[in-house]
mmCIF file of all heavy atoms, coordinates in Angstrom:
data_MODEL
# 
_entry.id   MODEL 
# 
loop_
_atom_site.group_PDB 
_atom_site.id 
_atom_site.type_symbol 
_atom_site.label_atom_id 
_atom_site.label_alt_id 
_atom_site.label_comp_id 
_atom_site.label_asym_id 
_atom_site.label_entity_id 
_atom_site.label_seq_id 
_atom_site.pdbx_PDB_ins_code 
_atom_site.Cartn_x 
_atom_site.Cartn_y 
_atom_site.Cartn_z 
_atom_site.occupancy 
_atom_site.B_iso_or_equiv 
_atom_site.pdbx_formal_charge 
_atom_site.auth_seq_id 
_atom_site.auth_comp_id 
_atom_site.auth_asym_id 
_atom_site.auth_atom_id 
_atom_site.pdbx_PDB_model_num 
ATOM 1   N N   . THR A 1 1  ? 24.932 -62.355 -31.746 1.00 0.00 ? 1  THR A N   1 
ATOM 2   C CA  . THR A 1 1  ? 23.812 -61.480 -31.696 1.00 0.00 ? 1  THR A CA  1 
ATOM 3   C C   . THR A 1 1  ? 23.187 -61.220 -33.091 1.00 0.00 ? 1  THR A C   1 
ATOM 4   O O   . THR A 1 1  ? 23.889 -61.187 -34.079 1.00 0.00 ? 1  THR A O   1 
ATOM 5   C CB  . THR A 1 1  ? 24.251 -60.156 -30.997 1.00 0.00 ? 1  THR A CB  1 
ATOM 6   O OG1 . THR A 1 1  ? 23.162 -59.298 -30.814 1.00 0.00 ? 1  THR A OG1 1 
ATOM 7   C CG2 . THR A 1 1  ? 25.277 -59.400 -31.894 1.00 0.00 ? 1  THR A CG2 1 
ATOM 8   N N   . LYS A 1 2  ? 21.869 -61.028 -33.123 1.00 0.00 ? 2  LYS A N   1 
ATOM 9   C CA  . LYS A 1 2  ? 21.197 -60.725 -34.368 1.00 0.00 ? 2  LYS A CA  1 
ATOM 10  C C   . LYS A 1 2  ? 21.170 -59.179 -34.514 1.00 0.00 ? 2  LYS A C   1 
ATOM 11  O O   . LYS A 1 2  ? 20.882 -58.425 -33.732 1.00 0.00 ? 2  LYS A O   1 
ATOM 12  C CB  . LYS A 1 2  ? 19.752 -61.230 -34.292 1.00 0.00 ? 2  LYS A CB  1 
ATOM 13  C CG  . LYS A 1 2  ? 19.009 -61.009 -35.629 1.00 0.00 ? 2  LYS A CG  1 
ATOM 14  C CD  . LYS A 1 2  ? 17.495 -61.547 -35.372 1.00 0.00 ? 2  LYS A CD  1 
ATOM 15  C CE  . LYS A 1 2  ? 16.696 -61.187 -36.592 1.00 0.00 ? 2  LYS A CE  1 
ATOM 16  N NZ  . LYS A 1 2  ? 15.335 -61.660 -36.454 1.00 0.00 ? 2  LYS A NZ  1 
ATOM 17  N N   . PRO A 1 3  ? 21.460 -58.788 -35.791 1.00 0.00 ? 3  PRO A N   1 
ATOM 18  C CA  . PRO A 1 3  ? 21.384 -57.262 -35.986 1.00 0.00 ? 3  PRO A CA  1 
ATOM 19  C C   . PRO A 1 3  ? 19.924 -56.770 -36.166 1.00 0.00 ? 3  PRO A C   1 
ATOM 20  O O   . PRO A 1 3  ? 18.949 -57.645 -36.478 1.00 0.00 ? 3  PRO A O   1 
ATOM 21  C CB  . PRO A 1 3  ? 22.092 -57.151 -37.435 1.00 0.00 ? 3  PRO A CB  1 
ATOM 22  C CG  . PRO A 1 3  ? 21.799 -58.482 -38.055 1.00 0.00 ? 3  PRO A CG  1 
ATOM 23  C CD  . PRO A 1 3  ? 21.866 -59.518 -36.991 1.00 0.00 ? 3  PRO A CD  1 
ATOM 24  N N   . THR A 1 4  ? 19.692 -55.559 -35.924 1.00 0.00 ? 4  THR A N   1 
ATOM 25  C CA  . THR A 1 4  ? 18.455 -54.881 -36.089 1.00 0.00 ? 4  THR A CA  1 
ATOM 26  C C   . THR A 1 4  ? 18.413 -54.143 -37.405 1.00 0.00 ? 4  THR A C   1 
ATOM 27  O O   . THR A 1 4  ? 19.129 -53.157 -37.494 1.00 0.00 ? 4  THR A O   1 
ATOM 28  C CB  . THR A 1 4  ? 18.119 -53.962 -34.899 1.00 0.00 ? 4  THR A CB  1 
ATOM 29  O OG1 . THR A 1 4  ? 18.240 -54.699 -33.682 1.00 0.00 ? 4  THR A OG1 1 
ATOM 30  C CG2 . THR A 1 4  ? 16.769 -53.334 -35.005 1.00 0.00 ? 4  THR A CG2 1 
ATOM 31  N N   . ALA A 1 5  ? 17.616 -54.486 -38.358 1.00 0.00 ? 5  ALA A N   1 
ATOM 32  C CA  . ALA A 1 5  ? 17.645 -53.980 -39.636 1.00 0.00 ? 5  ALA A CA  1 
ATOM 33  C C   . ALA A 1 5  ? 17.363 -52.451 -39.659 1.00 0.00 ? 5  ALA A C   1 
ATOM 34  O O   . ALA A 1 5  ? 17.866 -51.645 -40.401 1.00 0.00 ? 5  ALA A O   1 
ATOM 35  C CB  . ALA A 1 5  ? 16.703 -54.726 -40.591 1.00 0.00 ? 5  ALA A CB  1 
ATOM 36  N N   . ALA A 1 6  ? 16.456 -52.126 -38.733 1.00 0.00 ? 6  ALA A N   1 
ATOM 37  C CA  . ALA A 1 6  ? 15.963 -50.739 -38.724 1.00 0.00 ? 6  ALA A CA  1 
ATOM 38  C C   . ALA A 1 6  ? 16.934 -49.735 -38.034 1.00 0.00 ? 6  ALA A C   1 
ATOM 39  O O   . ALA A 1 6  ? 16.863 -48.548 -38.279 1.00 0.00 ? 6  ALA A O   1 
ATOM 40  C CB  . ALA A 1 6  ? 14.620 -50.564 -38.015 1.00 0.00 ? 6  ALA A CB  1 
ATOM 41  N N   . ASN A 1 7  ? 17.941 -50.331 -37.267 1.00 0.00 ? 7  ASN A N   1 
ATOM 42  C CA  . ASN A 1 7  ? 18.905 -49.462 -36.681 1.00 0.00 ? 7  ASN A CA  1 
ATOM 43  C C   . ASN A 1 7  ? 20.327 -49.607 -37.383 1.00 0.00 ? 7  ASN A C   1 
ATOM 44  O O   . ASN A 1 7  ? 20.871 -50.620 -37.107 1.00 0.00 ? 7  ASN A O   1 
ATOM 45  C CB  . ASN A 1 7  ? 19.034 -49.824 -35.203 1.00 0.00 ? 7  ASN A CB  1 
ATOM 46  C CG  . ASN A 1 7  ? 19.879 -48.860 -34.359 1.00 0.00 ? 7  ASN A CG  1 
ATOM 47  O OD1 . ASN A 1 7  ? 20.867 -48.453 -34.911 1.00 0.00 ? 7  ASN A OD1 1 
ATOM 48  N ND2 . ASN A 1 7  ? 19.476 -48.533 -33.182 1.00 0.00 ? 7  ASN A ND2 1 
ATOM 49  N N   . LYS A 1 8  ? 20.573 -48.678 -38.262 1.00 0.00 ? 8  LYS A N   1 
ATOM 50  C CA  . LYS A 1 8  ? 21.777 -48.758 -39.098 1.00 0.00 ? 8  LYS A CA  1 
ATOM 51  C C   . LYS A 1 8  ? 23.043 -48.779 -38.302 1.00 0.00 ? 8  LYS A C   1 
ATOM 52  O O   . LYS A 1 8  ? 24.128 -49.197 -38.887 1.00 0.00 ? 8  LYS A O   1 
ATOM 53  C CB  . LYS A 1 8  ? 21.765 -47.701 -40.158 1.00 0.00 ? 8  LYS A CB  1 
ATOM 54  C CG  . LYS A 1 8  ? 20.484 -47.677 -41.015 1.00 0.00 ? 8  LYS A CG  1 
ATOM 55  C CD  . LYS A 1 8  ? 20.299 -49.100 -41.715 1.00 0.00 ? 8  LYS A CD  1 
ATOM 56  C CE  . LYS A 1 8  ? 19.020 -49.009 -42.576 1.00 0.00 ? 8  LYS A CE  1 
ATOM 57  N NZ  . LYS A 1 8  ? 18.791 -50.310 -43.186 1.00 0.00 ? 8  LYS A NZ  1 
ATOM 58  N N   . SER A 1 9  ? 22.985 -48.293 -37.032 1.00 0.00 ? 9  SER A N   1 
ATOM 59  C CA  . SER A 1 9  ? 24.320 -48.225 -36.322 1.00 0.00 ? 9  SER A CA  1 
ATOM 60  C C   . SER A 1 9  ? 24.448 -49.441 -35.301 1.00 0.00 ? 9  SER A C   1 
ATOM 61  O O   . SER A 1 9  ? 25.380 -49.484 -34.612 1.00 0.00 ? 9  SER A O   1 
ATOM 62  C CB  . SER A 1 9  ? 24.216 -46.859 -35.496 1.00 0.00 ? 9  SER A CB  1 
ATOM 63  O OG  . SER A 1 9  ? 23.328 -46.925 -34.416 1.00 0.00 ? 9  SER A OG  1 
ATOM 64  N N   . CYS A 1 10 ? 23.567 -50.370 -35.472 1.00 0.00 ? 10 CYS A N   1 
ATOM 65  C CA  . CYS A 1 10 ? 23.558 -51.475 -34.369 1.00 0.00 ? 10 CYS A CA  1 
ATOM 66  C C   . CYS A 1 10 ? 24.827 -52.289 -34.573 1.00 0.00 ? 10 CYS A C   1 
ATOM 67  O O   . CYS A 1 10 ? 25.315 -52.736 -33.593 1.00 0.00 ? 10 CYS A O   1 
ATOM 68  C CB  . CYS A 1 10 ? 22.354 -52.348 -34.607 1.00 0.00 ? 10 CYS A CB  1 
ATOM 69  S SG  . CYS A 1 10 ? 22.298 -53.505 -35.960 1.00 0.00 ? 10 CYS A SG  1 
ATOM 70  N N   . TYR A 1 11 ? 25.392 -52.448 -35.775 1.00 0.00 ? 11 TYR A N   1 
ATOM 71  C CA  . TYR A 1 11 ? 26.643 -53.343 -35.930 1.00 0.00 ? 11 TYR A CA  1 
ATOM 72  C C   . TYR A 1 11 ? 27.731 -52.683 -35.118 1.00 0.00 ? 11 TYR A C   1 
ATOM 73  O O   . TYR A 1 11 ? 28.430 -53.342 -34.308 1.00 0.00 ? 11 TYR A O   1 
ATOM 74  C CB  . TYR A 1 11 ? 26.959 -53.450 -37.424 1.00 0.00 ? 11 TYR A CB  1 
ATOM 75  C CG  . TYR A 1 11 ? 26.077 -54.269 -38.216 1.00 0.00 ? 11 TYR A CG  1 
ATOM 76  C CD1 . TYR A 1 11 ? 24.898 -53.855 -38.767 1.00 0.00 ? 11 TYR A CD1 1 
ATOM 77  C CD2 . TYR A 1 11 ? 26.446 -55.631 -38.460 1.00 0.00 ? 11 TYR A CD2 1 
ATOM 78  C CE1 . TYR A 1 11 ? 24.077 -54.661 -39.490 1.00 0.00 ? 11 TYR A CE1 1 
ATOM 79  C CE2 . TYR A 1 11 ? 25.616 -56.463 -39.213 1.00 0.00 ? 11 TYR A CE2 1 
ATOM 80  C CZ  . TYR A 1 11 ? 24.398 -55.980 -39.760 1.00 0.00 ? 11 TYR A CZ  1 
ATOM 81  O OH  . TYR A 1 11 ? 23.587 -56.808 -40.443 1.00 0.00 ? 11 TYR A OH  1 
ATOM 82  N N   . GLN A 1 12 ? 27.996 -51.467 -35.296 1.00 0.00 ? 12 GLN A N   1 
ATOM 83  C CA  . GLN A 1 12 ? 29.054 -50.678 -34.630 1.00 0.00 ? 12 GLN A CA  1 
ATOM 84  C C   . GLN A 1 12 ? 28.792 -50.555 -33.126 1.00 0.00 ? 12 GLN A C   1 
ATOM 85  O O   . GLN A 1 12 ? 29.564 -50.782 -32.269 1.00 0.00 ? 12 GLN A O   1 
ATOM 86  C CB  . GLN A 1 12 ? 29.339 -49.345 -35.264 1.00 0.00 ? 12 GLN A CB  1 
ATOM 87  C CG  . GLN A 1 12 ? 30.649 -48.726 -34.719 1.00 0.00 ? 12 GLN A CG  1 
ATOM 88  C CD  . GLN A 1 12 ? 31.846 -49.484 -35.138 1.00 0.00 ? 12 GLN A CD  1 
ATOM 89  O OE1 . GLN A 1 12 ? 32.063 -49.870 -36.244 1.00 0.00 ? 12 GLN A OE1 1 
ATOM 90  N NE2 . GLN A 1 12 ? 32.685 -49.857 -34.104 1.00 0.00 ? 12 GLN A NE2 1 
ATOM 91  N N   . GLY A 1 13 ? 27.528 -50.244 -32.816 1.00 0.00 ? 13 GLY A N   1 
ATOM 92  C CA  . GLY A 1 13 ? 27.077 -50.191 -31.512 1.00 0.00 ? 13 GLY A CA  1 
ATOM 93  C C   . GLY A 1 13 ? 27.241 -51.396 -30.611 1.00 0.00 ? 13 GLY A C   1 
ATOM 94  O O   . GLY A 1 13 ? 27.759 -51.396 -29.534 1.00 0.00 ? 13 GLY A O   1 
ATOM 95  N N   . LYS A 1 14 ? 26.861 -52.530 -31.210 1.00 0.00 ? 14 LYS A N   1 
ATOM 96  C CA  . LYS A 1 14 ? 26.967 -53.752 -30.527 1.00 0.00 ? 14 LYS A CA  1 
ATOM 97  C C   . LYS A 1 14 ? 28.460 -54.162 -30.289 1.00 0.00 ? 14 LYS A C   1 
ATOM 98  O O   . LYS A 1 14 ? 28.883 -54.622 -29.265 1.00 0.00 ? 14 LYS A O   1 
ATOM 99  C CB  . LYS A 1 14 ? 26.290 -54.891 -31.285 1.00 0.00 ? 14 LYS A CB  1 
ATOM 100 C CG  . LYS A 1 14 ? 24.808 -54.896 -31.138 1.00 0.00 ? 14 LYS A CG  1 
ATOM 101 C CD  . LYS A 1 14 ? 24.174 -55.947 -32.147 1.00 0.00 ? 14 LYS A CD  1 
ATOM 102 C CE  . LYS A 1 14 ? 22.607 -55.972 -31.951 1.00 0.00 ? 14 LYS A CE  1 
ATOM 103 N NZ  . LYS A 1 14 ? 22.204 -56.839 -30.895 1.00 0.00 ? 14 LYS A NZ  1 
ATOM 104 N N   . SER A 1 15 ? 29.316 -53.939 -31.348 1.00 0.00 ? 15 SER A N   1 
ATOM 105 C CA  . SER A 1 15 ? 30.684 -54.218 -31.264 1.00 0.00 ? 15 SER A CA  1 
ATOM 106 C C   . SER A 1 15 ? 31.421 -53.312 -30.199 1.00 0.00 ? 15 SER A C   1 
ATOM 107 O O   . SER A 1 15 ? 32.094 -53.840 -29.267 1.00 0.00 ? 15 SER A O   1 
ATOM 108 C CB  . SER A 1 15 ? 31.383 -54.124 -32.604 1.00 0.00 ? 15 SER A CB  1 
ATOM 109 O OG  . SER A 1 15 ? 32.823 -54.283 -32.481 1.00 0.00 ? 15 SER A OG  1 
ATOM 110 N N   . ASP A 1 16 ? 31.124 -52.044 -30.241 1.00 0.00 ? 16 ASP A N   1 
ATOM 111 C CA  . ASP A 1 16 ? 31.668 -51.126 -29.254 1.00 0.00 ? 16 ASP A CA  1 
ATOM 112 C C   . ASP A 1 16 ? 31.223 -51.438 -27.892 1.00 0.00 ? 16 ASP A C   1 
ATOM 113 O O   . ASP A 1 16 ? 32.030 -51.293 -26.804 1.00 0.00 ? 16 ASP A O   1 
ATOM 114 C CB  . ASP A 1 16 ? 31.303 -49.685 -29.589 1.00 0.00 ? 16 ASP A CB  1 
ATOM 115 C CG  . ASP A 1 16 ? 31.958 -49.143 -30.871 1.00 0.00 ? 16 ASP A CG  1 
ATOM 116 O OD1 . ASP A 1 16 ? 32.843 -49.727 -31.388 1.00 0.00 ? 16 ASP A OD1 1 
ATOM 117 O OD2 . ASP A 1 16 ? 31.410 -48.043 -31.341 1.00 0.00 ? 16 ASP A OD2 1 
ATOM 118 N N   . TRP A 1 17 ? 29.969 -51.778 -27.720 1.00 0.00 ? 17 TRP A N   1 
ATOM 119 C CA  . TRP A 1 17 ? 29.506 -52.136 -26.325 1.00 0.00 ? 17 TRP A CA  1 
ATOM 120 C C   . TRP A 1 17 ? 30.206 -53.353 -25.752 1.00 0.00 ? 17 TRP A C   1 
ATOM 121 O O   . TRP A 1 17 ? 30.550 -53.355 -24.617 1.00 0.00 ? 17 TRP A O   1 
ATOM 122 C CB  . TRP A 1 17 ? 27.974 -52.422 -26.467 1.00 0.00 ? 17 TRP A CB  1 
ATOM 123 C CG  . TRP A 1 17 ? 27.260 -52.491 -25.127 1.00 0.00 ? 17 TRP A CG  1 
ATOM 124 C CD1 . TRP A 1 17 ? 26.669 -51.447 -24.546 1.00 0.00 ? 17 TRP A CD1 1 
ATOM 125 C CD2 . TRP A 1 17 ? 27.083 -53.663 -24.277 1.00 0.00 ? 17 TRP A CD2 1 
ATOM 126 N NE1 . TRP A 1 17 ? 26.112 -51.945 -23.258 1.00 0.00 ? 17 TRP A NE1 1 
ATOM 127 C CE2 . TRP A 1 17 ? 26.354 -53.272 -23.110 1.00 0.00 ? 17 TRP A CE2 1 
ATOM 128 C CE3 . TRP A 1 17 ? 27.489 -54.950 -24.497 1.00 0.00 ? 17 TRP A CE3 1 
ATOM 129 C CZ2 . TRP A 1 17 ? 25.990 -54.115 -22.174 1.00 0.00 ? 17 TRP A CZ2 1 
ATOM 130 C CZ3 . TRP A 1 17 ? 27.217 -55.847 -23.474 1.00 0.00 ? 17 TRP A CZ3 1 
ATOM 131 C CH2 . TRP A 1 17 ? 26.429 -55.427 -22.267 1.00 0.00 ? 17 TRP A CH2 1 
ATOM 132 N N   . ILE A 1 18 ? 30.354 -54.410 -26.511 1.00 0.00 ? 18 ILE A N   1 
ATOM 133 C CA  . ILE A 1 18 ? 31.103 -55.599 -26.069 1.00 0.00 ? 18 ILE A CA  1 
ATOM 134 C C   . ILE A 1 18 ? 32.553 -55.236 -25.704 1.00 0.00 ? 18 ILE A C   1 
ATOM 135 O O   . ILE A 1 18 ? 33.105 -55.579 -24.711 1.00 0.00 ? 18 ILE A O   1 
ATOM 136 C CB  . ILE A 1 18 ? 31.108 -56.691 -27.209 1.00 0.00 ? 18 ILE A CB  1 
ATOM 137 C CG1 . ILE A 1 18 ? 29.680 -57.222 -27.274 1.00 0.00 ? 18 ILE A CG1 1 
ATOM 138 C CG2 . ILE A 1 18 ? 32.068 -57.792 -26.765 1.00 0.00 ? 18 ILE A CG2 1 
ATOM 139 C CD1 . ILE A 1 18 ? 29.256 -58.001 -26.059 1.00 0.00 ? 18 ILE A CD1 1 
ATOM 140 N N   . ALA A 1 19 ? 33.204 -54.357 -26.519 1.00 0.00 ? 19 ALA A N   1 
ATOM 141 C CA  . ALA A 1 19 ? 34.591 -53.978 -26.285 1.00 0.00 ? 19 ALA A CA  1 
ATOM 142 C C   . ALA A 1 19 ? 34.691 -53.238 -24.920 1.00 0.00 ? 19 ALA A C   1 
ATOM 143 O O   . ALA A 1 19 ? 35.674 -53.420 -24.137 1.00 0.00 ? 19 ALA A O   1 
ATOM 144 C CB  . ALA A 1 19 ? 35.051 -53.102 -27.413 1.00 0.00 ? 19 ALA A CB  1 
ATOM 145 N N   . GLU A 1 20 ? 33.624 -52.463 -24.602 1.00 0.00 ? 20 GLU A N   1 
ATOM 146 C CA  . GLU A 1 20 ? 33.674 -51.731 -23.433 1.00 0.00 ? 20 GLU A CA  1 
ATOM 147 C C   . GLU A 1 20 ? 33.400 -52.518 -22.166 1.00 0.00 ? 20 GLU A C   1 
ATOM 148 O O   . GLU A 1 20 ? 34.116 -52.397 -21.075 1.00 0.00 ? 20 GLU A O   1 
ATOM 149 C CB  . GLU A 1 20 ? 32.654 -50.582 -23.437 1.00 0.00 ? 20 GLU A CB  1 
ATOM 150 C CG  . GLU A 1 20 ? 32.599 -49.784 -22.139 1.00 0.00 ? 20 GLU A CG  1 
ATOM 151 C CD  . GLU A 1 20 ? 31.618 -48.565 -22.288 1.00 0.00 ? 20 GLU A CD  1 
ATOM 152 O OE1 . GLU A 1 20 ? 30.984 -48.408 -23.316 1.00 0.00 ? 20 GLU A OE1 1 
ATOM 153 O OE2 . GLU A 1 20 ? 31.455 -47.886 -21.205 1.00 0.00 ? 20 GLU A OE2 1 
ATOM 154 N N   . HIS A 1 21 ? 32.348 -53.411 -22.186 1.00 0.00 ? 21 HIS A N   1 
ATOM 155 C CA  . HIS A 1 21 ? 31.846 -54.071 -21.013 1.00 0.00 ? 21 HIS A CA  1 
ATOM 156 C C   . HIS A 1 21 ? 32.375 -55.542 -20.886 1.00 0.00 ? 21 HIS A C   1 
ATOM 157 O O   . HIS A 1 21 ? 32.438 -56.085 -19.780 1.00 0.00 ? 21 HIS A O   1 
ATOM 158 C CB  . HIS A 1 21 ? 30.350 -54.091 -21.083 1.00 0.00 ? 21 HIS A CB  1 
ATOM 159 C CG  . HIS A 1 21 ? 29.811 -52.673 -21.025 1.00 0.00 ? 21 HIS A CG  1 
ATOM 160 N ND1 . HIS A 1 21 ? 29.838 -51.864 -19.902 1.00 0.00 ? 21 HIS A ND1 1 
ATOM 161 C CD2 . HIS A 1 21 ? 29.137 -52.055 -21.913 1.00 0.00 ? 21 HIS A CD2 1 
ATOM 162 C CE1 . HIS A 1 21 ? 29.280 -50.751 -20.158 1.00 0.00 ? 21 HIS A CE1 1 
ATOM 163 N NE2 . HIS A 1 21 ? 28.849 -50.754 -21.408 1.00 0.00 ? 21 HIS A NE2 1 
ATOM 164 N N   . PHE A 1 22 ? 32.753 -56.048 -22.059 1.00 0.00 ? 22 PHE A N   1 
ATOM 165 C CA  . PHE A 1 22 ? 33.243 -57.575 -22.060 1.00 0.00 ? 22 PHE A CA  1 
ATOM 166 C C   . PHE A 1 22 ? 34.468 -57.690 -22.972 1.00 0.00 ? 22 PHE A C   1 
ATOM 167 O O   . PHE A 1 22 ? 34.352 -58.307 -23.927 1.00 0.00 ? 22 PHE A O   1 
ATOM 168 C CB  . PHE A 1 22 ? 32.150 -58.509 -22.528 1.00 0.00 ? 22 PHE A CB  1 
ATOM 169 C CG  . PHE A 1 22 ? 30.979 -58.629 -21.526 1.00 0.00 ? 22 PHE A CG  1 
ATOM 170 C CD1 . PHE A 1 22 ? 29.887 -57.657 -21.682 1.00 0.00 ? 22 PHE A CD1 1 
ATOM 171 C CD2 . PHE A 1 22 ? 30.892 -59.587 -20.447 1.00 0.00 ? 22 PHE A CD2 1 
ATOM 172 C CE1 . PHE A 1 22 ? 28.797 -57.784 -20.702 1.00 0.00 ? 22 PHE A CE1 1 
ATOM 173 C CE2 . PHE A 1 22 ? 29.794 -59.509 -19.583 1.00 0.00 ? 22 PHE A CE2 1 
ATOM 174 C CZ  . PHE A 1 22 ? 28.679 -58.682 -19.792 1.00 0.00 ? 22 PHE A CZ  1 
ATOM 175 N N   . PRO A 1 23 ? 35.611 -57.037 -22.568 1.00 0.00 ? 23 PRO A N   1 
ATOM 176 C CA  . PRO A 1 23 ? 36.644 -56.998 -23.467 1.00 0.00 ? 23 PRO A CA  1 
ATOM 177 C C   . PRO A 1 23 ? 37.236 -58.247 -23.795 1.00 0.00 ? 23 PRO A C   1 
ATOM 178 O O   . PRO A 1 23 ? 37.775 -58.482 -24.921 1.00 0.00 ? 23 PRO A O   1 
ATOM 179 C CB  . PRO A 1 23 ? 37.743 -56.130 -22.617 1.00 0.00 ? 23 PRO A CB  1 
ATOM 180 C CG  . PRO A 1 23 ? 37.216 -56.159 -21.241 1.00 0.00 ? 23 PRO A CG  1 
ATOM 181 C CD  . PRO A 1 23 ? 35.787 -56.276 -21.307 1.00 0.00 ? 23 PRO A CD  1 
ATOM 182 N N   . SER A 1 24 ? 37.195 -59.296 -23.039 1.00 0.00 ? 24 SER A N   1 
ATOM 183 C CA  . SER A 1 24 ? 37.622 -60.729 -23.327 1.00 0.00 ? 24 SER A CA  1 
ATOM 184 C C   . SER A 1 24 ? 36.862 -61.230 -24.446 1.00 0.00 ? 24 SER A C   1 
ATOM 185 O O   . SER A 1 24 ? 37.343 -62.187 -25.095 1.00 0.00 ? 24 SER A O   1 
ATOM 186 C CB  . SER A 1 24 ? 37.643 -61.615 -22.158 1.00 0.00 ? 24 SER A CB  1 
ATOM 187 O OG  . SER A 1 24 ? 36.286 -61.926 -21.762 1.00 0.00 ? 24 SER A OG  1 
ATOM 188 N N   . LEU A 1 25 ? 35.715 -60.695 -24.773 1.00 0.00 ? 25 LEU A N   1 
ATOM 189 C CA  . LEU A 1 25 ? 34.866 -61.288 -25.824 1.00 0.00 ? 25 LEU A CA  1 
ATOM 190 C C   . LEU A 1 25 ? 34.803 -60.403 -27.068 1.00 0.00 ? 25 LEU A C   1 
ATOM 191 O O   . LEU A 1 25 ? 34.044 -60.777 -28.063 1.00 0.00 ? 25 LEU A O   1 
ATOM 192 C CB  . LEU A 1 25 ? 33.412 -61.534 -25.346 1.00 0.00 ? 25 LEU A CB  1 
ATOM 193 C CG  . LEU A 1 25 ? 33.276 -62.414 -24.114 1.00 0.00 ? 25 LEU A CG  1 
ATOM 194 C CD1 . LEU A 1 25 ? 31.763 -62.432 -23.715 1.00 0.00 ? 25 LEU A CD1 1 
ATOM 195 C CD2 . LEU A 1 25 ? 33.738 -63.856 -24.479 1.00 0.00 ? 25 LEU A CD2 1 
ATOM 196 N N   . HIS A 1 26 ? 35.599 -59.367 -27.105 1.00 0.00 ? 26 HIS A N   1 
ATOM 197 C CA  . HIS A 1 26 ? 35.445 -58.347 -28.196 1.00 0.00 ? 26 HIS A CA  1 
ATOM 198 C C   . HIS A 1 26 ? 36.041 -59.028 -29.546 1.00 0.00 ? 26 HIS A C   1 
ATOM 199 O O   . HIS A 1 26 ? 35.338 -58.772 -30.656 1.00 0.00 ? 26 HIS A O   1 
ATOM 200 C CB  . HIS A 1 26 ? 36.294 -57.148 -27.932 1.00 0.00 ? 26 HIS A CB  1 
ATOM 201 C CG  . HIS A 1 26 ? 36.057 -56.070 -29.082 1.00 0.00 ? 26 HIS A CG  1 
ATOM 202 N ND1 . HIS A 1 26 ? 37.142 -55.403 -29.592 1.00 0.00 ? 26 HIS A ND1 1 
ATOM 203 C CD2 . HIS A 1 26 ? 34.955 -55.639 -29.709 1.00 0.00 ? 26 HIS A CD2 1 
ATOM 204 C CE1 . HIS A 1 26 ? 36.660 -54.628 -30.549 1.00 0.00 ? 26 HIS A CE1 1 
ATOM 205 N NE2 . HIS A 1 26 ? 35.382 -54.629 -30.609 1.00 0.00 ? 26 HIS A NE2 1 
# 
């Protein structure tokens, strides 16, 4: 996934989201 430069929380947000919804891919 590509980060969004304007959203400083996107790195953590994307990682947390994958962990919650697709744990096998975290």
